[in-house]
Amino acid sequence: MDFLNLALNWVKNGLELLTSFVFPISLTETKLKTISVEKLKSNFPNEWFSNDKKTVAIFPYKNTFIRESIWLLKYRKNEYAINIFAKALGESIISLCEDQLPFYSSPQIILIPIPNHI
């Protein structure tokens, strides 16, 4: 059984190496692997409200790193991108709710992931 696991790991590592030569890892993916949730949030600390004060953007989609990271998350199913953005988004939503909900008598929160190009 150990030999089988060792052989499978060897094949997996070989395929990953071959894949990295055929489809090289992007600079964004390399940078994303070195960043923590705290660092991601500190680089983009300000959630901002739209003109109607009812919608908020957590990350600036115009930022190249954010846009490429979201692309990795959506189309390449990059697990690290999924995990780091899920944690950062979750923490931001909790923080926003703690800050904003006490001011509304009957708060309703709807999460709609739409890139804000404006």
Protein backbone atom coordinates (compact mmCIF):
# COMPACT_ATOMS: atom_id res chain seq x y z
CA MET A 1 0.00 0.00 0.00
CA ASP A 2 2.85 2.42 0.81
CA PHE A 3 4.47 1.60 -2.51
CA LEU A 4 1.21 2.38 -4.33
CA ASN A 5 0.88 5.75 -2.57
CA LEU A 6 4.51 6.52 -3.31
CA ALA A 7 4.05 5.64 -6.98
CA LEU A 8 0.87 7.70 -7.24
CA ASN A 9 2.56 10.71 -5.63
CA TRP A 10 5.49 10.34 -8.02
CA VAL A 11 3.14 10.26 -11.02
CA LYS A 12 1.15 13.23 -9.64
CA ASN A 13 4.31 15.29 -9.08
CA GLY A 14 5.56 14.39 -12.55
CA LEU A 15 2.29 15.44 -14.15
CA GLU A 16 2.29 18.71 -12.20
CA LEU A 17 5.85 19.40 -13.36
CA LEU A 18 4.96 18.62 -16.98
CA THR A 19 1.83 20.76 -16.75
CA SER A 20 3.83 23.68 -15.33
CA PHE A 21 6.12 23.54 -18.39
CA VAL A 22 3.25 23.38 -20.87
CA PHE A 23 1.06 25.90 -18.98
CA PRO A 24 3.42 28.10 -16.98
CA ILE A 25 2.21 29.57 -13.71
CA SER A 26 1.33 33.24 -14.06
CA LEU A 27 2.94 35.98 -12.01
CA THR A 28 -0.43 36.59 -10.32
CA GLU A 29 -0.68 32.94 -9.30
CA THR A 30 2.85 33.01 -7.89
CA LYS A 31 2.13 36.22 -5.97
CA LEU A 32 -1.21 34.87 -4.76
CA LYS A 33 0.49 31.83 -3.18
CA THR A 34 2.69 34.11 -1.05
CA ILE A 35 -0.06 36.39 0.24
CA SER A 36 -2.13 35.90 3.39
CA VAL A 37 -5.73 36.90 4.03
CA GLU A 38 -4.54 39.71 6.31
CA LYS A 39 -2.13 41.03 3.69
CA LEU A 40 -4.80 40.82 0.98
CA LYS A 41 -7.23 42.79 3.13
CA SER A 42 -4.58 45.34 4.18
CA ASN A 43 -3.65 45.98 0.52
CA PHE A 44 -7.31 46.74 -0.25
CA PRO A 45 -8.68 47.94 3.11
CA ASN A 46 -11.49 50.23 2.06
CA GLU A 47 -14.83 48.79 1.13
CA TRP A 48 -16.64 51.49 -0.75
CA PHE A 49 -20.31 52.22 -1.21
CA SER A 50 -21.87 53.08 -4.54
CA ASN A 51 -23.69 56.34 -5.17
CA ASP A 52 -26.99 54.91 -3.90
CA LYS A 53 -25.31 53.85 -0.62
CA LYS A 54 -26.98 50.44 -0.89
CA THR A 55 -24.26 48.43 -2.60
CA VAL A 56 -20.69 47.91 -1.57
CA ALA A 57 -17.60 46.55 -3.33
CA ILE A 58 -15.18 44.55 -1.21
CA PHE A 59 -12.30 44.50 -3.72
CA PRO A 60 -11.49 46.95 -6.53
CA TYR A 61 -12.11 44.97 -9.73
CA LYS A 62 -10.16 47.54 -11.76
CA ASN A 63 -7.02 46.39 -9.96
CA THR A 64 -5.12 43.99 -12.24
CA PHE A 65 -4.09 41.64 -9.43
CA ILE A 66 -7.68 41.34 -8.16
CA ARG A 67 -9.11 40.85 -11.65
CA GLU A 68 -6.54 38.15 -12.55
CA SER A 69 -6.99 36.47 -9.16
CA ILE A 70 -10.75 36.30 -9.68
CA TRP A 71 -10.10 34.83 -13.13
CA LEU A 72 -7.92 32.14 -11.50
CA LEU A 73 -10.69 31.47 -9.02
CA LYS A 74 -13.49 31.26 -11.59
CA TYR A 75 -11.87 29.63 -14.62
CA ARG A 76 -8.81 27.75 -13.36
CA LYS A 77 -10.45 26.65 -10.07
CA ASN A 78 -7.28 27.59 -8.21
CA GLU A 79 -7.84 26.21 -4.71
CA TYR A 80 -5.59 28.76 -3.02
CA ALA A 81 -7.42 31.64 -4.71
CA ILE A 82 -10.75 30.12 -3.70
CA ASN A 83 -9.68 29.74 -0.06
CA ILE A 84 -8.04 33.14 0.37
CA PHE A 85 -10.87 35.08 -1.29
CA ALA A 86 -13.54 33.10 0.57
CA LYS A 87 -11.90 33.92 3.91
CA ALA A 88 -11.31 37.58 3.02
CA LEU A 89 -14.85 37.98 1.66
CA GLY A 90 -16.36 36.26 4.70
CA GLU A 91 -14.42 38.45 7.13
CA SER A 92 -15.35 41.58 5.17
CA ILE A 93 -19.04 40.67 5.13
CA ILE A 94 -19.04 40.00 8.88
CA SER A 95 -17.24 43.28 9.54
CA LEU A 96 -19.59 45.20 7.28
CA CYS A 97 -22.64 43.64 8.94
CA GLU A 98 -21.35 44.47 12.41
CA ASP A 99 -20.78 48.08 11.33
CA GLN A 100 -23.96 48.66 9.33
CA LEU A 101 -26.76 46.45 10.69
CA PRO A 102 -27.38 48.35 13.95
CA PHE A 103 -28.51 51.36 11.90
CA TYR A 104 -31.34 49.54 10.09
CA SER A 105 -34.64 48.52 11.63
CA SER A 106 -35.18 45.53 9.32
CA PRO A 107 -31.91 44.78 7.55
CA GLN A 108 -31.85 42.64 4.45
CA ILE A 109 -28.55 41.48 3.04
CA ILE A 110 -28.29 40.14 -0.47
CA LEU A 111 -24.91 39.01 -1.78
CA ILE A 112 -24.61 39.32 -5.55
CA PRO A 113 -21.08 38.90 -6.99
CA ILE A 114 -21.00 41.44 -9.81
CA PRO A 115 -17.77 43.08 -11.02
CA ASN A 116 -18.18 46.82 -10.68
CA HIS A 117 -16.44 48.39 -13.68
CA ILE A 118 -17.63 51.90 -12.91
